[in-house]
N, C-alpha and C. Protein backbone atom coordinates (compact mmCIF):
# COMPACT_ATOMS: atom_id res chain seq x y z
N MET A 1 -8.93 77.78 117.94
CA MET A 1 -8.68 76.49 117.32
C MET A 1 -8.44 76.67 115.82
N LYS A 2 -9.29 77.45 115.15
CA LYS A 2 -9.12 77.67 113.72
C LYS A 2 -7.78 78.35 113.43
N ALA A 3 -7.41 79.34 114.25
CA ALA A 3 -6.13 80.04 114.05
C ALA A 3 -4.96 79.06 114.22
N ALA A 4 -5.08 78.15 115.18
CA ALA A 4 -4.01 77.18 115.40
C ALA A 4 -3.86 76.25 114.20
N LEU A 5 -4.98 75.82 113.62
CA LEU A 5 -4.92 74.96 112.45
C LEU A 5 -4.34 75.69 111.25
N LEU A 6 -4.73 76.96 111.08
CA LEU A 6 -4.18 77.74 109.97
C LEU A 6 -2.68 77.92 110.12
N ALA A 7 -2.22 78.09 111.35
CA ALA A 7 -0.78 78.24 111.59
C ALA A 7 -0.03 76.96 111.26
N LEU A 8 -0.68 75.81 111.39
CA LEU A 8 -0.03 74.53 111.10
C LEU A 8 -0.01 74.20 109.61
N LEU A 9 -0.84 74.83 108.79
CA LEU A 9 -0.93 74.47 107.39
C LEU A 9 0.41 74.45 106.67
N PRO A 10 1.28 75.44 106.85
CA PRO A 10 2.56 75.36 106.14
C PRO A 10 3.38 74.14 106.52
N LEU A 11 3.17 73.62 107.70
CA LEU A 11 3.92 72.44 108.14
C LEU A 11 3.28 71.14 107.65
N LEU A 12 1.99 71.19 107.36
CA LEU A 12 1.26 69.99 106.99
C LEU A 12 1.18 69.79 105.48
N LEU A 13 1.22 70.87 104.72
CA LEU A 13 1.07 70.78 103.28
C LEU A 13 2.43 70.80 102.59
N PRO A 14 2.54 70.07 101.48
CA PRO A 14 3.80 70.13 100.74
C PRO A 14 4.04 71.56 100.26
N GLY A 15 5.29 71.94 100.26
CA GLY A 15 5.62 73.28 99.81
C GLY A 15 7.10 73.40 99.60
N PRO A 16 7.56 74.54 99.09
CA PRO A 16 8.96 74.69 98.78
C PRO A 16 9.85 74.73 100.01
N ARG A 17 9.33 75.15 101.18
CA ARG A 17 10.16 75.22 102.39
C ARG A 17 9.35 74.74 103.58
N GLY A 18 9.77 73.66 104.17
CA GLY A 18 9.21 73.24 105.44
C GLY A 18 7.97 72.39 105.36
N GLY A 19 7.48 72.07 104.16
CA GLY A 19 6.28 71.25 104.05
C GLY A 19 6.57 69.79 104.32
N VAL A 20 5.49 69.00 104.40
CA VAL A 20 5.63 67.58 104.68
C VAL A 20 6.48 66.90 103.62
N GLY A 21 6.30 67.25 102.36
CA GLY A 21 7.07 66.62 101.30
C GLY A 21 8.56 66.82 101.49
N GLU A 22 8.97 68.04 101.79
CA GLU A 22 10.39 68.32 102.00
C GLU A 22 10.88 67.62 103.27
N TRP A 23 10.09 67.68 104.33
CA TRP A 23 10.51 67.07 105.58
C TRP A 23 10.68 65.56 105.42
N ARG A 24 9.74 64.94 104.73
CA ARG A 24 9.85 63.49 104.49
C ARG A 24 11.12 63.16 103.72
N ALA A 25 11.46 64.02 102.74
CA ALA A 25 12.68 63.80 101.96
C ALA A 25 13.91 63.89 102.86
N LEU A 26 13.90 64.81 103.83
CA LEU A 26 15.02 64.91 104.76
C LEU A 26 15.15 63.63 105.58
N LEU A 27 14.04 63.11 106.08
CA LEU A 27 14.07 61.88 106.85
C LEU A 27 14.51 60.70 105.98
N GLN A 28 14.00 60.63 104.76
CA GLN A 28 14.41 59.55 103.86
C GLN A 28 15.92 59.61 103.60
N GLY A 29 16.45 60.81 103.42
CA GLY A 29 17.89 60.97 103.23
C GLY A 29 18.67 60.50 104.45
N HIS A 30 18.15 60.83 105.63
CA HIS A 30 18.81 60.38 106.86
C HIS A 30 18.83 58.86 106.95
N LEU A 31 17.70 58.24 106.64
CA LEU A 31 17.63 56.78 106.71
C LEU A 31 18.53 56.11 105.66
N ALA A 32 18.68 56.74 104.50
CA ALA A 32 19.57 56.20 103.47
C ALA A 32 21.02 56.31 103.92
N HIS A 33 21.35 57.41 104.59
CA HIS A 33 22.72 57.63 105.06
C HIS A 33 23.02 56.83 106.33
N CYS A 34 22.00 56.59 107.14
CA CYS A 34 22.16 55.88 108.41
C CYS A 34 21.18 54.71 108.49
N PRO A 35 21.38 53.67 107.68
CA PRO A 35 20.40 52.57 107.65
C PRO A 35 20.28 51.81 108.97
N ALA A 36 21.24 51.95 109.87
CA ALA A 36 21.15 51.27 111.18
C ALA A 36 20.25 52.01 112.16
N ALA A 37 19.67 53.14 111.74
CA ALA A 37 18.79 53.90 112.64
C ALA A 37 17.58 53.05 113.03
N ALA A 38 17.36 52.95 114.33
CA ALA A 38 16.22 52.21 114.89
C ALA A 38 15.08 53.19 115.18
N ALA A 39 13.98 52.67 115.69
CA ALA A 39 12.81 53.50 115.97
C ALA A 39 13.15 54.69 116.87
N GLU A 40 13.97 54.48 117.91
CA GLU A 40 14.29 55.59 118.81
C GLU A 40 15.16 56.64 118.12
N ASP A 41 15.96 56.22 117.13
CA ASP A 41 16.78 57.18 116.39
C ASP A 41 15.91 58.03 115.47
N VAL A 42 14.89 57.41 114.89
CA VAL A 42 13.94 58.16 114.06
C VAL A 42 13.15 59.12 114.94
N TYR A 43 12.72 58.65 116.11
CA TYR A 43 12.02 59.53 117.06
C TYR A 43 12.91 60.72 117.40
N LYS A 44 14.19 60.48 117.65
CA LYS A 44 15.12 61.55 118.00
C LYS A 44 15.25 62.55 116.85
N PHE A 45 15.34 62.07 115.62
CA PHE A 45 15.39 62.94 114.45
C PHE A 45 14.14 63.83 114.41
N VAL A 46 12.98 63.20 114.58
CA VAL A 46 11.71 63.96 114.57
C VAL A 46 11.71 64.97 115.71
N HIS A 47 12.08 64.54 116.90
CA HIS A 47 12.07 65.41 118.07
C HIS A 47 12.96 66.63 117.83
N GLN A 48 14.16 66.40 117.33
CA GLN A 48 15.07 67.52 117.09
C GLN A 48 14.55 68.43 115.99
N SER A 49 13.82 67.89 115.01
CA SER A 49 13.27 68.71 113.94
C SER A 49 12.16 69.63 114.44
N VAL A 50 11.55 69.27 115.56
CA VAL A 50 10.45 70.06 116.11
C VAL A 50 10.91 70.91 117.30
N TYR A 51 11.63 70.32 118.23
CA TYR A 51 12.00 70.98 119.48
C TYR A 51 13.42 71.54 119.50
N GLY A 52 14.22 71.23 118.47
CA GLY A 52 15.60 71.70 118.49
C GLY A 52 16.37 71.08 119.63
N PRO A 53 17.34 71.82 120.18
CA PRO A 53 18.21 71.25 121.22
C PRO A 53 17.85 71.64 122.64
N ALA A 54 16.69 72.20 122.89
CA ALA A 54 16.39 72.79 124.20
C ALA A 54 16.65 71.83 125.36
N HIS A 55 16.35 70.55 125.18
CA HIS A 55 16.53 69.59 126.28
C HIS A 55 18.01 69.43 126.66
N ALA A 56 18.92 69.81 125.75
CA ALA A 56 20.35 69.58 125.98
C ALA A 56 21.09 70.80 126.50
N VAL A 57 20.38 71.87 126.81
CA VAL A 57 21.04 73.11 127.23
C VAL A 57 20.48 73.55 128.59
N PRO A 58 20.98 72.93 129.69
CA PRO A 58 20.51 73.37 131.00
C PRO A 58 20.96 74.80 131.29
N ASP A 59 22.21 75.13 130.95
CA ASP A 59 22.73 76.50 131.03
C ASP A 59 23.98 76.58 130.16
N ARG A 60 24.39 77.78 129.83
CA ARG A 60 25.50 77.99 128.90
C ARG A 60 26.79 77.36 129.40
N GLU A 61 27.11 77.52 130.69
CA GLU A 61 28.36 77.00 131.22
C GLU A 61 28.42 75.48 131.13
N GLU A 62 27.34 74.83 131.49
CA GLU A 62 27.33 73.36 131.40
C GLU A 62 27.39 72.91 129.95
N ALA A 63 26.69 73.61 129.06
CA ALA A 63 26.74 73.27 127.64
C ALA A 63 28.16 73.43 127.11
N ALA A 64 28.86 74.48 127.56
CA ALA A 64 30.25 74.71 127.13
C ALA A 64 31.17 73.59 127.64
N ARG A 65 31.02 73.21 128.89
CA ARG A 65 31.85 72.14 129.45
C ARG A 65 31.64 70.82 128.71
N TYR A 66 30.38 70.51 128.43
CA TYR A 66 30.06 69.26 127.76
C TYR A 66 30.61 69.27 126.33
N LEU A 67 30.48 70.39 125.62
CA LEU A 67 30.99 70.49 124.26
C LEU A 67 32.52 70.36 124.24
N GLU A 68 33.18 71.07 125.13
CA GLU A 68 34.65 70.99 125.19
C GLU A 68 35.12 69.57 125.49
N ALA A 69 34.46 68.90 126.40
CA ALA A 69 34.83 67.52 126.74
C ALA A 69 34.59 66.59 125.55
N GLU A 70 33.47 66.80 124.85
CA GLU A 70 33.17 65.95 123.70
C GLU A 70 34.19 66.17 122.59
N VAL A 71 34.54 67.42 122.33
CA VAL A 71 35.54 67.72 121.30
C VAL A 71 36.88 67.09 121.66
N ALA A 72 37.27 67.18 122.92
CA ALA A 72 38.55 66.61 123.36
C ALA A 72 38.60 65.09 123.22
N GLY A 73 37.45 64.44 123.31
CA GLY A 73 37.41 62.98 123.25
C GLY A 73 36.87 62.42 121.96
N LEU A 74 36.81 63.22 120.89
CA LEU A 74 36.25 62.72 119.63
C LEU A 74 37.03 61.54 119.08
N LEU A 75 36.30 60.52 118.71
CA LEU A 75 36.87 59.35 118.04
C LEU A 75 36.55 59.45 116.56
N PRO A 76 37.26 58.72 115.71
CA PRO A 76 36.92 58.74 114.29
C PRO A 76 35.47 58.34 114.07
N GLY A 77 34.87 58.92 113.04
CA GLY A 77 33.47 58.62 112.74
C GLY A 77 33.33 57.99 111.37
N PRO A 78 32.11 57.99 110.86
CA PRO A 78 31.87 57.40 109.54
C PRO A 78 32.68 58.12 108.45
N ALA A 79 33.04 57.40 107.41
CA ALA A 79 33.89 57.94 106.34
C ALA A 79 33.23 59.12 105.62
N ALA A 80 31.96 59.04 105.34
CA ALA A 80 31.28 60.07 104.55
C ALA A 80 30.37 60.93 105.42
N GLU A 81 30.85 61.33 106.57
CA GLU A 81 30.03 62.11 107.50
C GLU A 81 29.87 63.54 106.97
N PRO A 82 28.62 63.98 106.76
CA PRO A 82 28.41 65.35 106.27
C PRO A 82 28.64 66.36 107.39
N THR A 83 28.99 67.58 107.01
CA THR A 83 29.16 68.63 108.02
C THR A 83 27.82 68.99 108.62
N TYR A 84 26.79 69.12 107.77
CA TYR A 84 25.45 69.49 108.22
C TYR A 84 24.45 68.46 107.76
N GLU A 85 23.45 68.21 108.60
CA GLU A 85 22.33 67.37 108.20
C GLU A 85 21.05 68.11 108.57
N LEU A 86 20.34 68.58 107.55
CA LEU A 86 19.11 69.32 107.81
C LEU A 86 18.07 68.45 108.50
N LEU A 87 17.44 69.03 109.51
CA LEU A 87 16.35 68.37 110.22
C LEU A 87 15.01 68.98 109.81
N ASP A 88 15.03 70.26 109.45
CA ASP A 88 13.82 70.98 109.07
C ASP A 88 14.24 72.10 108.13
N GLY A 89 13.93 71.94 106.86
CA GLY A 89 14.32 72.93 105.87
C GLY A 89 13.61 74.26 106.03
N GLY A 90 12.42 74.26 106.60
CA GLY A 90 11.66 75.49 106.75
C GLY A 90 12.34 76.50 107.66
N VAL A 91 12.82 76.04 108.80
CA VAL A 91 13.51 76.94 109.74
C VAL A 91 15.02 76.70 109.73
N ARG A 92 15.45 75.75 108.90
CA ARG A 92 16.88 75.43 108.72
C ARG A 92 17.55 74.96 110.01
N LEU A 93 16.83 74.13 110.75
CA LEU A 93 17.44 73.43 111.88
C LEU A 93 18.30 72.31 111.32
N ALA A 94 19.49 72.15 111.87
CA ALA A 94 20.38 71.11 111.36
C ALA A 94 21.23 70.54 112.48
N ARG A 95 21.66 69.30 112.26
CA ARG A 95 22.70 68.70 113.08
C ARG A 95 24.02 69.15 112.46
N VAL A 96 24.89 69.71 113.28
CA VAL A 96 26.23 70.07 112.83
C VAL A 96 27.16 69.02 113.41
N ASN A 97 27.69 68.16 112.54
CA ASN A 97 28.57 67.07 112.98
C ASN A 97 29.94 67.64 113.33
N LEU A 98 30.37 67.38 114.56
CA LEU A 98 31.58 68.00 115.09
C LEU A 98 32.84 67.68 114.29
N ARG A 99 33.03 66.43 113.91
CA ARG A 99 34.29 66.06 113.24
C ARG A 99 34.50 66.85 111.95
N PRO A 100 33.56 66.82 110.99
CA PRO A 100 33.80 67.58 109.76
C PRO A 100 33.72 69.10 109.98
N TYR A 101 32.88 69.55 110.91
CA TYR A 101 32.78 70.98 111.19
C TYR A 101 34.13 71.52 111.67
N LEU A 102 34.74 70.83 112.60
CA LEU A 102 36.03 71.27 113.12
C LEU A 102 37.14 71.09 112.07
N ALA A 103 37.09 70.02 111.31
CA ALA A 103 38.09 69.77 110.27
C ALA A 103 38.08 70.85 109.19
N HIS A 104 36.91 71.46 108.98
CA HIS A 104 36.78 72.54 107.98
C HIS A 104 36.97 73.92 108.60
N GLY A 105 37.52 73.97 109.81
CA GLY A 105 37.85 75.24 110.43
C GLY A 105 36.75 75.89 111.23
N GLY A 106 35.67 75.15 111.51
CA GLY A 106 34.59 75.70 112.33
C GLY A 106 35.06 75.94 113.75
N GLY A 107 34.58 77.00 114.37
CA GLY A 107 34.99 77.35 115.72
C GLY A 107 34.06 76.80 116.78
N VAL A 108 34.64 76.30 117.86
CA VAL A 108 33.85 75.77 118.96
C VAL A 108 33.00 76.88 119.60
N GLY A 109 33.56 78.07 119.75
CA GLY A 109 32.82 79.18 120.35
C GLY A 109 31.61 79.58 119.52
N ALA A 110 31.78 79.64 118.20
CA ALA A 110 30.66 79.99 117.31
C ALA A 110 29.57 78.92 117.38
N LEU A 111 29.99 77.66 117.43
CA LEU A 111 29.02 76.57 117.52
C LEU A 111 28.27 76.62 118.85
N LEU A 112 28.98 76.87 119.93
CA LEU A 112 28.34 76.98 121.24
C LEU A 112 27.32 78.12 121.24
N ASP A 113 27.71 79.29 120.71
CA ASP A 113 26.78 80.42 120.65
C ASP A 113 25.53 80.06 119.87
N ALA A 114 25.70 79.41 118.71
CA ALA A 114 24.56 79.02 117.88
C ALA A 114 23.68 78.01 118.59
N PHE A 115 24.30 77.07 119.29
CA PHE A 115 23.59 76.01 120.01
C PHE A 115 22.73 76.60 121.14
N VAL A 116 23.31 77.46 121.94
CA VAL A 116 22.59 78.05 123.07
C VAL A 116 21.48 78.98 122.57
N THR A 117 21.76 79.77 121.54
CA THR A 117 20.75 80.68 120.99
C THR A 117 19.61 79.89 120.36
N THR A 118 19.95 78.82 119.66
CA THR A 118 18.91 77.97 119.07
C THR A 118 17.99 77.41 120.14
N ALA A 119 18.57 76.93 121.23
CA ALA A 119 17.76 76.38 122.32
C ALA A 119 16.80 77.41 122.88
N ALA A 120 17.24 78.67 122.94
CA ALA A 120 16.37 79.73 123.47
C ALA A 120 15.28 80.12 122.47
N ARG A 121 15.56 80.00 121.19
CA ARG A 121 14.61 80.46 120.16
C ARG A 121 13.58 79.43 119.73
N VAL A 122 13.98 78.18 119.63
CA VAL A 122 13.10 77.16 119.06
C VAL A 122 12.17 76.62 120.14
N LYS A 123 10.90 76.78 119.89
CA LYS A 123 9.88 76.26 120.80
C LYS A 123 9.05 75.24 120.03
N GLY A 124 9.09 74.03 120.45
CA GLY A 124 8.37 72.96 119.75
C GLY A 124 6.88 73.01 119.95
N ASP A 125 6.18 72.32 119.08
CA ASP A 125 4.73 72.24 119.13
C ASP A 125 4.34 70.76 119.12
N PRO A 126 3.66 70.28 120.17
CA PRO A 126 3.28 68.86 120.23
C PRO A 126 2.43 68.42 119.04
N ALA A 127 1.60 69.31 118.49
CA ALA A 127 0.79 68.94 117.33
C ALA A 127 1.67 68.65 116.12
N VAL A 128 2.69 69.47 115.92
CA VAL A 128 3.61 69.24 114.82
C VAL A 128 4.39 67.95 115.06
N MET A 129 4.79 67.71 116.30
CA MET A 129 5.50 66.46 116.64
C MET A 129 4.64 65.26 116.27
N GLY A 130 3.36 65.30 116.62
CA GLY A 130 2.46 64.20 116.30
C GLY A 130 2.33 63.97 114.81
N VAL A 131 2.19 65.05 114.04
CA VAL A 131 2.07 64.94 112.59
C VAL A 131 3.35 64.35 111.99
N ARG A 132 4.49 64.85 112.45
CA ARG A 132 5.75 64.36 111.89
C ARG A 132 6.03 62.91 112.27
N LEU A 133 5.64 62.51 113.46
CA LEU A 133 5.80 61.11 113.84
C LEU A 133 4.95 60.22 112.95
N GLY A 134 3.72 60.65 112.67
CA GLY A 134 2.87 59.88 111.75
C GLY A 134 3.49 59.79 110.37
N SER A 135 4.05 60.88 109.92
CA SER A 135 4.73 60.90 108.62
C SER A 135 5.95 59.98 108.64
N ALA A 136 6.70 59.98 109.76
CA ALA A 136 7.87 59.11 109.88
C ALA A 136 7.48 57.64 109.83
N VAL A 137 6.36 57.30 110.45
CA VAL A 137 5.86 55.92 110.38
C VAL A 137 5.60 55.55 108.93
N ASP A 138 4.98 56.45 108.17
CA ASP A 138 4.71 56.20 106.76
C ASP A 138 6.00 56.04 105.96
N VAL A 139 7.01 56.87 106.26
CA VAL A 139 8.29 56.77 105.57
C VAL A 139 8.91 55.39 105.84
N LEU A 140 8.88 54.95 107.09
CA LEU A 140 9.45 53.64 107.42
C LEU A 140 8.70 52.52 106.70
N LYS A 141 7.38 52.60 106.67
CA LYS A 141 6.60 51.58 105.96
C LYS A 141 6.94 51.59 104.48
N GLY A 142 7.06 52.78 103.90
CA GLY A 142 7.39 52.91 102.49
C GLY A 142 8.77 52.38 102.16
N ALA A 143 9.65 52.37 103.14
CA ALA A 143 11.01 51.87 102.96
C ALA A 143 11.10 50.36 103.25
N GLY A 144 9.95 49.73 103.49
CA GLY A 144 9.95 48.30 103.78
C GLY A 144 10.41 47.96 105.18
N ARG A 145 10.27 48.93 106.08
CA ARG A 145 10.72 48.73 107.46
C ARG A 145 9.51 48.72 108.41
N GLY A 146 8.60 47.79 108.12
CA GLY A 146 7.36 47.70 108.88
C GLY A 146 7.57 47.47 110.37
N GLY A 147 8.56 46.66 110.72
CA GLY A 147 8.84 46.41 112.15
C GLY A 147 9.25 47.68 112.86
N ASP A 148 10.12 48.47 112.23
CA ASP A 148 10.53 49.75 112.82
C ASP A 148 9.36 50.72 112.88
N ALA A 149 8.48 50.67 111.87
CA ALA A 149 7.31 51.54 111.87
C ALA A 149 6.40 51.22 113.06
N GLU A 150 6.20 49.94 113.32
CA GLU A 150 5.39 49.53 114.47
C GLU A 150 6.03 49.97 115.78
N LYS A 151 7.34 49.78 115.89
CA LYS A 151 8.04 50.20 117.10
C LYS A 151 7.95 51.71 117.29
N LEU A 152 8.05 52.46 116.19
CA LEU A 152 7.94 53.91 116.29
C LEU A 152 6.53 54.32 116.71
N GLU A 153 5.52 53.66 116.19
CA GLU A 153 4.14 53.97 116.62
C GLU A 153 3.97 53.74 118.11
N THR A 154 4.49 52.64 118.61
CA THR A 154 4.40 52.33 120.04
C THR A 154 5.16 53.36 120.87
N LEU A 155 6.38 53.68 120.43
CA LEU A 155 7.20 54.67 121.12
C LEU A 155 6.52 56.04 121.09
N ALA A 156 5.98 56.43 119.95
CA ALA A 156 5.31 57.72 119.82
C ALA A 156 4.13 57.83 120.77
N ALA A 157 3.36 56.77 120.89
CA ALA A 157 2.21 56.80 121.81
C ALA A 157 2.68 56.95 123.26
N ALA A 158 3.70 56.20 123.63
CA ALA A 158 4.22 56.28 125.00
C ALA A 158 4.83 57.65 125.29
N MET A 159 5.59 58.18 124.35
CA MET A 159 6.23 59.49 124.55
C MET A 159 5.21 60.62 124.48
N GLY A 160 4.20 60.47 123.64
CA GLY A 160 3.15 61.48 123.57
C GLY A 160 2.40 61.61 124.88
N ALA A 161 2.18 60.50 125.55
CA ALA A 161 1.50 60.51 126.85
C ALA A 161 2.35 61.22 127.90
N ARG A 162 3.66 61.33 127.65
CA ARG A 162 4.57 61.98 128.60
C ARG A 162 4.99 63.37 128.13
N GLY A 163 4.34 63.86 127.07
CA GLY A 163 4.66 65.21 126.58
C GLY A 163 5.82 65.26 125.61
N PHE A 164 6.11 64.15 124.95
CA PHE A 164 7.19 64.05 123.96
C PHE A 164 8.57 64.43 124.50
N PRO A 165 9.07 63.72 125.51
CA PRO A 165 10.43 64.01 125.98
C PRO A 165 11.47 63.55 124.96
N ALA A 166 12.68 64.04 125.12
CA ALA A 166 13.79 63.62 124.27
C ALA A 166 14.22 62.21 124.66
N VAL A 167 14.88 61.52 123.73
CA VAL A 167 15.42 60.19 123.98
C VAL A 167 16.87 60.16 123.49
N HIS A 168 17.60 59.12 123.89
CA HIS A 168 18.97 58.92 123.43
C HIS A 168 18.97 58.07 122.16
N HIS A 169 20.07 58.13 121.43
CA HIS A 169 20.23 57.24 120.29
C HIS A 169 20.31 55.80 120.77
N SER A 170 19.93 54.88 119.89
CA SER A 170 20.04 53.46 120.21
C SER A 170 21.52 53.07 120.33
N GLU A 171 21.77 52.00 121.02
CA GLU A 171 23.14 51.50 121.16
C GLU A 171 23.73 51.17 119.80
N ALA A 172 22.95 50.56 118.93
CA ALA A 172 23.44 50.21 117.59
C ALA A 172 23.83 51.46 116.81
N TYR A 173 23.04 52.51 116.92
CA TYR A 173 23.34 53.77 116.23
C TYR A 173 24.63 54.38 116.78
N ARG A 174 24.76 54.39 118.10
CA ARG A 174 25.97 54.95 118.73
C ARG A 174 27.22 54.18 118.32
N ARG A 175 27.12 52.86 118.30
CA ARG A 175 28.26 52.02 117.93
C ARG A 175 28.62 52.21 116.45
N THR A 176 27.62 52.27 115.60
CA THR A 176 27.85 52.35 114.15
C THR A 176 28.33 53.72 113.70
N TYR A 177 27.69 54.79 114.22
CA TYR A 177 27.95 56.13 113.67
C TYR A 177 28.72 57.06 114.61
N ARG A 178 28.86 56.69 115.86
CA ARG A 178 29.54 57.56 116.84
C ARG A 178 29.06 59.00 116.72
N PRO A 179 27.77 59.23 116.90
CA PRO A 179 27.24 60.58 116.69
C PRO A 179 27.86 61.60 117.64
N ALA A 180 28.27 62.72 117.06
CA ALA A 180 28.84 63.83 117.82
C ALA A 180 28.43 65.09 117.07
N TYR A 181 27.38 65.73 117.54
CA TYR A 181 26.84 66.88 116.82
C TYR A 181 26.14 67.84 117.77
N ARG A 182 25.79 69.00 117.25
CA ARG A 182 24.94 69.95 117.94
C ARG A 182 23.85 70.38 116.98
N VAL A 183 22.65 70.55 117.51
CA VAL A 183 21.50 70.99 116.70
C VAL A 183 21.45 72.51 116.78
N VAL A 184 21.48 73.14 115.62
CA VAL A 184 21.47 74.61 115.56
C VAL A 184 20.62 75.11 114.41
N LEU A 185 20.23 76.38 114.49
CA LEU A 185 19.67 77.09 113.34
C LEU A 185 20.86 77.52 112.50
N LEU A 186 20.93 77.09 111.28
CA LEU A 186 22.12 77.32 110.46
C LEU A 186 22.44 78.80 110.28
N GLU A 187 21.42 79.66 110.21
CA GLU A 187 21.71 81.09 110.00
C GLU A 187 22.51 81.68 111.15
N LEU A 188 22.46 81.04 112.31
CA LEU A 188 23.24 81.53 113.44
C LEU A 188 24.73 81.23 113.28
N LEU A 189 25.05 80.22 112.49
CA LEU A 189 26.45 79.91 112.20
C LEU A 189 26.97 80.69 110.99
N HIS A 190 26.08 80.92 110.05
CA HIS A 190 26.48 81.51 108.79
C HIS A 190 26.14 82.99 108.68
N GLY A 191 25.39 83.52 109.62
CA GLY A 191 25.02 84.93 109.57
C GLY A 191 24.10 85.28 108.41
N SER A 192 23.43 84.27 107.84
CA SER A 192 22.53 84.55 106.72
C SER A 192 21.11 84.71 107.18
């Protein structure tokens, strides 16, 4: 138990890489960029920051088919869509938005490799998920979004009882932002 708590300290304490302070700033940035994000979208951000994309990779072939189909059917997205959106600065997990990634010459094969490898490497921790959800509730309250904070608390309790499964984006988020991305460890794309 003591060893497990010591292992969590870098994730719980503010620090230059991966601490609560940095993680909260990433979530605050996401909410500023995507103000239509509802409680389930915040939960999804938290989930991806802890568990990565593992739920979305049943096998490489299916992941490849789904990515190719999504790329073929891409619709225009938000005007200021970033190429990368960090989910966790400590391990450099990020959402790679397909439209700007492809527009800047990113390769589908490289992205698929990074996506599948990330799913195999990133193993989430329910304790970290719980801490980050609590932090997300605080961020929402601090942003004057008390209703969303309450909804996230309720959702977190329900999902925690089920082992923190993944969820889909809200309909409002899908309509507003047309999300099309893959969650990857950035060093797998950049070789750094």
